[in-house]
Amino acid sequence: MISPAKNKKKSMSRDTTQSPNSYSEDLSPATLLAPTAKLTPLPSLEISALPEISPNYRPRPPPKFLPHFTDENAMSAAISSKNQRTKVYSGNKVIGKITSLYEMCVHVLQEHIDALEYTGGVPYEILKPVVDRATPQQLFMLEHYNPYLMEDTDHLWQKFCEKSFRNKKRQEYESWREMYMRCQEEQEIRLKSLTTNIRIAQEAKKAPIKQTKMAYVD
C-alpha cells in the first residue's frame, strides 16, 4: 500500500518539470543566455501594416564629425592658408537662363551677316541687333537687297563717317550715307593716283639711262 505522502511528492515533481516545448518565463540574464533557453515568440504582424519599401530608397550618409585641432595644428593651418594663392575659375561663364528662340536666331545672323540678302520685308526693329553689328560694306549690301532699310540706318552711316572721315563735312542736302559714299570714292581716287605715281617713279628708275661717250682716234 502506497502512503499518501509519497503520492503528494510525485504530484509536486510532475508540476515542477516542464515540457520540452514550453517557454521560459524567467527573464533573468542567466536564464535568457542559457543555450537551452527558449524565448516567447513576438506577436505576428500583418504584411499590410508594414510600410512599402521604396525602390529609390537611399540610406542617409553617416554624420561627419569635425576634426579635433590642437593649438599647433590650428596655427599651422591658418599660416598655410594665408600663403596659398586664391584659386580663380578661368572657364566660360555659365548662362543661368534659357536662351529664347529669337535670341538664338539673332546670334546666328550676327555671325553670318555676309550671307544675308533678301530679308522678305522684316521690320528694322526686329533686324536691329543684326544690322547694328554690320560693317559699312555689309550694311551697303543689305541696303542694296533691301532698300527699305535705308529709312532707319542713317545713324549708322553717321557713326561710320565720324569714325573714318572726321575732317570731312556734309554738303547741303546730303545724307550721312551719301557723304560716306562720296568720301570713300574720293579716298579711292587719291589712293589710285598715289599708286600710279609710285609705279611710274619705280619704272623710271629701272629704265636705262642714255650716256654719251667720247672716243679718241689716233
C-alpha atoms as a PDB file:
ATOM      1  CA  MET A   1       0.000   0.000   0.000  1.00  0.00           C
ATOM      2  CA  ILE A   2       1.345   3.334  -1.038  1.00  0.00           C
ATOM      3  CA  SER A   3       1.416   6.030   1.517  1.00  0.00           C
ATOM      4  CA  PRO A   4      -0.317   9.378   0.721  1.00  0.00           C
ATOM      5  CA  ALA A   5       2.857  11.274   1.458  1.00  0.00           C
ATOM      6  CA  LYS A   6       4.634   9.630  -1.416  1.00  0.00           C
ATOM      7  CA  ASN A   7       1.756  10.384  -3.822  1.00  0.00           C
ATOM      8  CA  LYS A   8       1.872  14.043  -2.861  1.00  0.00           C
ATOM      9  CA  LYS A   9       5.610  14.201  -3.577  1.00  0.00           C
ATOM     10  CA  LYS A  10       5.153  12.608  -7.024  1.00  0.00           C
ATOM     11  CA  SER A  11       2.463  15.074  -7.974  1.00  0.00           C
ATOM     12  CA  MET A  12       4.668  18.015  -6.984  1.00  0.00           C
ATOM     13  CA  SER A  13       7.527  16.676  -9.087  1.00  0.00           C
ATOM     14  CA  ARG A  14       5.238  16.423 -12.089  1.00  0.00           C
ATOM     15  CA  ASP A  15       4.159  20.056 -11.720  1.00  0.00           C
ATOM     16  CA  THR A  16       7.705  21.406 -11.462  1.00  0.00           C
ATOM     17  CA  THR A  17       9.036  19.615 -14.565  1.00  0.00           C
ATOM     18  CA  GLN A  18       8.432  21.490 -17.837  1.00  0.00           C
ATOM     19  CA  SER A  19       7.704  20.045 -21.213  1.00  0.00           C
ATOM     20  CA  PRO A  20      10.411  20.484 -23.886  1.00  0.00           C
ATOM     21  CA  ASN A  21       8.158  22.800 -25.916  1.00  0.00           C
ATOM     22  CA  SER A  22       7.366  25.168 -23.072  1.00  0.00           C
ATOM     23  CA  TYR A  23       8.884  28.671 -22.983  1.00  0.00           C
ATOM     24  CA  SER A  24      10.844  30.078 -20.107  1.00  0.00           C
ATOM     25  CA  GLU A  25       9.115  32.679 -18.013  1.00  0.00           C
ATOM     26  CA  ASP A  26      12.236  33.554 -16.057  1.00  0.00           C
ATOM     27  CA  LEU A  27      13.678  36.807 -17.517  1.00  0.00           C
ATOM     28  CA  SER A  28      16.917  36.817 -15.575  1.00  0.00           C
ATOM     29  CA  PRO A  29      20.109  37.245 -17.668  1.00  0.00           C
ATOM     30  CA  ALA A  30      21.410  33.811 -16.714  1.00  0.00           C
ATOM     31  CA  THR A  31      18.236  32.109 -17.915  1.00  0.00           C
ATOM     32  CA  LEU A  32      17.992  34.172 -21.140  1.00  0.00           C
ATOM     33  CA  LEU A  33      21.644  33.494 -22.070  1.00  0.00           C
ATOM     34  CA  ALA A  34      21.450  29.768 -21.391  1.00  0.00           C
ATOM     35  CA  PRO A  35      21.927  27.591 -24.541  1.00  0.00           C
ATOM     36  CA  THR A  36      18.631  25.776 -23.850  1.00  0.00           C
ATOM     37  CA  ALA A  37      16.617  28.935 -23.261  1.00  0.00           C
ATOM     38  CA  LYS A  38      13.502  29.465 -25.346  1.00  0.00           C
ATOM     39  CA  LEU A  39      12.005  32.912 -25.598  1.00  0.00           C
ATOM     40  CA  THR A  40       8.389  33.724 -26.155  1.00  0.00           C
ATOM     41  CA  PRO A  41       7.833  34.488 -29.873  1.00  0.00           C
ATOM     42  CA  LEU A  42       6.897  38.030 -30.845  1.00  0.00           C
ATOM     43  CA  PRO A  43       3.326  38.688 -31.881  1.00  0.00           C
ATOM     44  CA  SER A  44       2.800  38.267 -35.618  1.00  0.00           C
ATOM     45  CA  LEU A  45       2.146  41.421 -37.687  1.00  0.00           C
ATOM     46  CA  GLU A  46       0.117  41.651 -40.828  1.00  0.00           C
ATOM     47  CA  ILE A  47       2.099  42.464 -44.006  1.00  0.00           C
ATOM     48  CA  SER A  48      -0.362  45.200 -44.931  1.00  0.00           C
ATOM     49  CA  ALA A  49       0.509  47.055 -41.735  1.00  0.00           C
ATOM     50  CA  LEU A  50       4.171  47.377 -42.744  1.00  0.00           C
ATOM     51  CA  PRO A  51       5.272  50.369 -44.900  1.00  0.00           C
ATOM     52  CA  GLU A  52       6.110  49.710 -48.533  1.00  0.00           C
ATOM     53  CA  ILE A  53       9.770  49.553 -49.485  1.00  0.00           C
ATOM     54  CA  SER A  54      10.638  52.323 -51.951  1.00  0.00           C
ATOM     55  CA  PRO A  55      12.877  51.281 -54.910  1.00  0.00           C
ATOM     56  CA  ASN A  56      14.604  54.703 -54.717  1.00  0.00           C
ATOM     57  CA  TYR A  57      15.464  54.393 -51.052  1.00  0.00           C
ATOM     58  CA  ARG A  58      18.946  55.525 -50.158  1.00  0.00           C
ATOM     59  CA  PRO A  59      20.341  55.402 -46.652  1.00  0.00           C
ATOM     60  CA  ARG A  60      21.466  58.618 -45.105  1.00  0.00           C
ATOM     61  CA  PRO A  61      25.203  59.255 -45.130  1.00  0.00           C
ATOM     62  CA  PRO A  62      26.961  58.842 -41.808  1.00  0.00           C
ATOM     63  CA  PRO A  63      27.344  62.061 -39.826  1.00  0.00           C
ATOM     64  CA  LYS A  64      30.573  63.932 -40.388  1.00  0.00           C
ATOM     65  CA  PHE A  65      32.356  64.915 -37.260  1.00  0.00           C
ATOM     66  CA  LEU A  66      34.612  67.947 -37.223  1.00  0.00           C
ATOM     67  CA  PRO A  67      38.256  67.014 -36.736  1.00  0.00           C
ATOM     68  CA  HIS A  68      39.803  67.924 -33.435  1.00  0.00           C
ATOM     69  CA  PHE A  69      42.558  70.511 -33.876  1.00  0.00           C
ATOM     70  CA  THR A  70      45.153  71.334 -31.345  1.00  0.00           C
ATOM     71  CA  ASP A  71      46.508  74.858 -30.982  1.00  0.00           C
ATOM     72  CA  GLU A  72      49.582  73.988 -33.055  1.00  0.00           C
ATOM     73  CA  ASN A  73      47.506  72.447 -35.870  1.00  0.00           C
ATOM     74  CA  ALA A  74      45.161  75.435 -35.966  1.00  0.00           C
ATOM     75  CA  MET A  75      48.081  77.862 -36.126  1.00  0.00           C
ATOM     76  CA  SER A  76      49.814  75.946 -38.939  1.00  0.00           C
ATOM     77  CA  ALA A  77      46.557  75.697 -40.923  1.00  0.00           C
ATOM     78  CA  ALA A  78      45.985  79.461 -40.624  1.00  0.00           C
ATOM     79  CA  ILE A  79      49.536  80.258 -41.780  1.00  0.00           C
ATOM     80  CA  SER A  80      49.388  77.875 -44.747  1.00  0.00           C
ATOM     81  CA  SER A  81      46.015  79.288 -45.898  1.00  0.00           C
ATOM     82  CA  LYS A  82      47.472  82.808 -45.953  1.00  0.00           C
ATOM     83  CA  ASN A  83      50.476  81.738 -48.017  1.00  0.00           C
ATOM     84  CA  GLN A  84      48.402  79.875 -50.626  1.00  0.00           C
ATOM     85  CA  ARG A  85      47.047  81.719 -53.641  1.00  0.00           C
ATOM     86  CA  THR A  86      43.351  82.103 -54.088  1.00  0.00           C
ATOM     87  CA  LYS A  87      42.039  79.848 -56.851  1.00  0.00           C
ATOM     88  CA  VAL A  88      40.133  81.720 -59.567  1.00  0.00           C
ATOM     89  CA  TYR A  89      37.875  79.998 -62.073  1.00  0.00           C
ATOM     90  CA  SER A  90      39.072  80.808 -65.591  1.00  0.00           C
ATOM     91  CA  GLY A  91      36.431  78.960 -67.613  1.00  0.00           C
ATOM     92  CA  ASN A  92      33.461  80.310 -69.514  1.00  0.00           C
ATOM     93  CA  LYS A  93      30.692  81.879 -67.525  1.00  0.00           C
ATOM     94  CA  VAL A  94      27.678  79.604 -67.205  1.00  0.00           C
ATOM     95  CA  ILE A  95      24.452  81.118 -68.508  1.00  0.00           C
ATOM     96  CA  GLY A  96      21.799  80.770 -65.891  1.00  0.00           C
ATOM     97  CA  LYS A  97      18.739  81.456 -68.027  1.00  0.00           C
ATOM     98  CA  ILE A  98      17.410  79.607 -71.057  1.00  0.00           C
ATOM     99  CA  THR A  99      18.049  81.454 -74.330  1.00  0.00           C
ATOM    100  CA  SER A 100      14.923  82.238 -76.321  1.00  0.00           C
ATOM    101  CA  LEU A 101      14.479  81.214 -79.948  1.00  0.00           C
ATOM    102  CA  TYR A 102      14.654  84.852 -81.086  1.00  0.00           C
ATOM    103  CA  GLU A 103      17.970  85.400 -79.312  1.00  0.00           C
ATOM    104  CA  MET A 104      19.426  82.236 -80.846  1.00  0.00           C
ATOM    105  CA  CYS A 105      18.337  83.325 -84.350  1.00  0.00           C
ATOM    106  CA  VAL A 106      19.827  86.800 -83.837  1.00  0.00           C
ATOM    107  CA  HIS A 107      23.109  85.280 -82.701  1.00  0.00           C
ATOM    108  CA  VAL A 108      23.315  83.076 -85.817  1.00  0.00           C
ATOM    109  CA  LEU A 109      22.535  86.015 -88.104  1.00  0.00           C
ATOM    110  CA  GLN A 110      25.168  88.179 -86.419  1.00  0.00           C
ATOM    111  CA  GLU A 111      27.768  85.511 -87.117  1.00  0.00           C
ATOM    112  CA  HIS A 112      26.735  85.218 -90.805  1.00  0.00           C
ATOM    113  CA  ILE A 113      25.854  88.757 -91.916  1.00  0.00           C
ATOM    114  CA  ASP A 114      27.719  88.267 -95.203  1.00  0.00           C
ATOM    115  CA  ALA A 115      25.239  85.534 -96.176  1.00  0.00           C
ATOM    116  CA  LEU A 116      22.189  87.814 -95.758  1.00  0.00           C
ATOM    117  CA  GLU A 117      20.500  89.071 -98.898  1.00  0.00           C
ATOM    118  CA  TYR A 118      16.733  89.479 -99.164  1.00  0.00           C
ATOM    119  CA  THR A 119      15.056  89.644 -95.754  1.00  0.00           C
ATOM    120  CA  GLY A 120      11.493  89.421 -97.036  1.00  0.00           C
ATOM    121  CA  GLY A 121      10.428  92.798 -95.625  1.00  0.00           C
ATOM    122  CA  VAL A 122      11.196  92.011 -91.971  1.00  0.00           C
ATOM    123  CA  PRO A 123      10.864  95.290 -89.992  1.00  0.00           C
ATOM    124  CA  TYR A 124      14.028  97.084 -88.944  1.00  0.00           C
ATOM    125  CA  GLU A 125      13.058  96.834 -85.258  1.00  0.00           C
ATOM    126  CA  ILE A 126      13.466  93.051 -85.473  1.00  0.00           C
ATOM    127  CA  LEU A 127      16.687  93.159 -87.526  1.00  0.00           C
ATOM    128  CA  LYS A 128      18.215  95.984 -85.483  1.00  0.00           C
ATOM    129  CA  PRO A 129      20.549  93.751 -83.388  1.00  0.00           C
ATOM    130  CA  VAL A 130      21.888  92.271 -86.630  1.00  0.00           C
ATOM    131  CA  VAL A 131      22.109  95.454 -88.711  1.00  0.00           C
ATOM    132  CA  ASP A 132      23.844  97.373 -85.924  1.00  0.00           C
ATOM    133  CA  ARG A 133      26.693  94.833 -85.988  1.00  0.00           C
ATOM    134  CA  ALA A 134      27.310  95.206 -89.727  1.00  0.00           C
ATOM    135  CA  THR A 135      30.373  96.839 -91.246  1.00  0.00           C
ATOM    136  CA  PRO A 136      29.964  99.611 -93.888  1.00  0.00           C
ATOM    137  CA  GLN A 137      30.381  97.081 -96.715  1.00  0.00           C
ATOM    138  CA  GLN A 138      27.914  94.648 -95.137  1.00  0.00           C
ATOM    139  CA  LEU A 139      25.409  97.432 -94.498  1.00  0.00           C
ATOM    140  CA  PHE A 140      25.747  98.622 -98.115  1.00  0.00           C
ATOM    141  CA  MET A 141      24.951  95.103 -99.385  1.00  0.00           C
ATOM    142  CA  LEU A 142      21.985  94.757 -97.023  1.00  0.00           C
ATOM    143  CA  GLU A 143      20.552  98.052 -98.264  1.00  0.00           C
ATOM    144  CA  HIS A 144      21.236  97.012-101.853  1.00  0.00           C
ATOM    145  CA  TYR A 145      18.996  93.935-101.452  1.00  0.00           C
ATOM    146  CA  ASN A 146      16.566  95.636 -99.037  1.00  0.00           C
ATOM    147  CA  PRO A 147      16.198  99.350 -99.890  1.00  0.00           C
ATOM    148  CA  TYR A 148      13.533  99.866 -97.197  1.00  0.00           C
ATOM    149  CA  LEU A 149      16.263  99.643 -94.545  1.00  0.00           C
ATOM    150  CA  MET A 150      17.771 102.959 -95.675  1.00  0.00           C
ATOM    151  CA  GLU A 151      14.977 104.791 -93.876  1.00  0.00           C
ATOM    152  CA  ASP A 152      16.325 103.656 -90.483  1.00  0.00           C
ATOM    153  CA  THR A 153      20.092 103.253 -90.959  1.00  0.00           C
ATOM    154  CA  ASP A 154      21.198 106.891 -91.338  1.00  0.00           C
ATOM    155  CA  HIS A 155      22.509 106.952 -87.744  1.00  0.00           C
ATOM    156  CA  LEU A 156      24.793 104.030 -88.581  1.00  0.00           C
ATOM    157  CA  TRP A 157      26.281 105.882 -91.547  1.00  0.00           C
ATOM    158  CA  GLN A 158      26.811 108.892 -89.291  1.00  0.00           C
ATOM    159  CA  LYS A 159      28.829 106.708 -86.930  1.00  0.00           C
ATOM    160  CA  PHE A 160      30.925 105.415 -89.841  1.00  0.00           C
ATOM    161  CA  CYS A 161      31.571 108.941 -91.129  1.00  0.00           C
ATOM    162  CA  GLU A 162      32.616 110.242 -87.726  1.00  0.00           C
ATOM    163  CA  LYS A 163      34.999 107.318 -87.356  1.00  0.00           C
ATOM    164  CA  SER A 164      36.609 107.243 -90.817  1.00  0.00           C
ATOM    165  CA  PHE A 165      36.235 110.830 -92.087  1.00  0.00           C
ATOM    166  CA  ARG A 166      36.436 113.112 -89.078  1.00  0.00           C
ATOM    167  CA  ASN A 167      37.751 116.101 -91.027  1.00  0.00           C
ATOM    168  CA  LYS A 168      35.050 115.945 -93.682  1.00  0.00           C
ATOM    169  CA  LYS A 169      31.782 117.819 -93.586  1.00  0.00           C
ATOM    170  CA  ARG A 170      28.440 117.085 -95.141  1.00  0.00           C
ATOM    171  CA  GLN A 171      27.367 119.019 -98.116  1.00  0.00           C
ATOM    172  CA  GLU A 172      23.995 120.693 -98.335  1.00  0.00           C
ATOM    173  CA  TYR A 173      21.053 118.277 -98.533  1.00  0.00           C
ATOM    174  CA  GLU A 174      23.438 115.354 -98.270  1.00  0.00           C
ATOM    175  CA  SER A 175      22.635 112.344 -96.085  1.00  0.00           C
ATOM    176  CA  TRP A 176      25.207 110.573 -93.984  1.00  0.00           C
ATOM    177  CA  ARG A 177      25.100 107.608 -96.340  1.00  0.00           C
ATOM    178  CA  GLU A 178      25.763 109.820 -99.372  1.00  0.00           C
ATOM    179  CA  MET A 179      28.593 111.557 -97.534  1.00  0.00           C
ATOM    180  CA  TYR A 180      30.244 108.242 -96.707  1.00  0.00           C
ATOM    181  CA  MET A 181      29.979 107.074-100.309  1.00  0.00           C
ATOM    182  CA  ARG A 182      31.427 110.359-101.589  1.00  0.00           C
ATOM    183  CA  CYS A 183      34.332 110.350 -99.129  1.00  0.00           C
ATOM    184  CA  GLN A 184      35.003 106.706 -99.831  1.00  0.00           C
ATOM    185  CA  GLU A 185      35.120 107.362-103.565  1.00  0.00           C
ATOM    186  CA  GLU A 186      37.440 110.366-103.114  1.00  0.00           C
ATOM    187  CA  GLN A 187      39.726 108.270-100.941  1.00  0.00           C
ATOM    188  CA  GLU A 188      39.897 105.524-103.546  1.00  0.00           C
ATOM    189  CA  ILE A 189      40.720 108.069-106.282  1.00  0.00           C
ATOM    190  CA  ARG A 190      43.561 109.529-104.203  1.00  0.00           C
ATOM    191  CA  LEU A 191      44.854 106.042-103.452  1.00  0.00           C
ATOM    192  CA  LYS A 192      44.833 105.099-107.139  1.00  0.00           C
ATOM    193  CA  SER A 193      46.607 108.325-108.089  1.00  0.00           C
ATOM    194  CA  LEU A 194      49.247 107.768-105.427  1.00  0.00           C
ATOM    195  CA  THR A 195      49.731 104.165-106.543  1.00  0.00           C
ATOM    196  CA  THR A 196      50.136 105.263-110.166  1.00  0.00           C
ATOM    197  CA  ASN A 197      52.713 107.918-109.292  1.00  0.00           C
ATOM    198  CA  ILE A 198      54.720 105.416-107.258  1.00  0.00           C
ATOM    199  CA  ARG A 199      54.637 102.888-110.106  1.00  0.00           C
ATOM    200  CA  ILE A 200      55.776 105.489-112.682  1.00  0.00           C
ATOM    201  CA  ALA A 201      58.627 106.568-110.403  1.00  0.00           C
ATOM    202  CA  GLN A 202      59.812 102.994-109.971  1.00  0.00           C
ATOM    203  CA  GLU A 203      59.669 102.313-113.708  1.00  0.00           C
ATOM    204  CA  ALA A 204      61.667 105.486-114.376  1.00  0.00           C
ATOM    205  CA  LYS A 205      64.397 104.282-112.030  1.00  0.00           C
ATOM    206  CA  LYS A 206      64.599 100.919-113.763  1.00  0.00           C
ATOM    207  CA  ALA A 207      64.746 102.418-117.304  1.00  0.00           C
ATOM    208  CA  PRO A 208      68.272 102.512-118.842  1.00  0.00           C
ATOM    209  CA  ILE A 209      69.886 105.954-118.885  1.00  0.00           C
ATOM    210  CA  LYS A 210      71.445 107.047-122.161  1.00  0.00           C
ATOM    211  CA  GLN A 211      75.064 108.123-121.744  1.00  0.00           C
ATOM    212  CA  THR A 212      77.275 109.838-124.317  1.00  0.00           C
ATOM    213  CA  LYS A 213      80.799 108.540-124.547  1.00  0.00           C
ATOM    214  CA  MET A 214      83.640 110.238-126.438  1.00  0.00           C
ATOM    215  CA  ALA A 215      86.073 108.162-128.413  1.00  0.00           C
ATOM    216  CA  TYR A 216      89.573 109.404-129.280  1.00  0.00           C
ATOM    217  CA  VAL A 217      91.077 108.239-132.599  1.00  0.00           C
ATOM    218  CA  ASP A 218      94.874 108.335-133.041  1.00  0.00           C
END
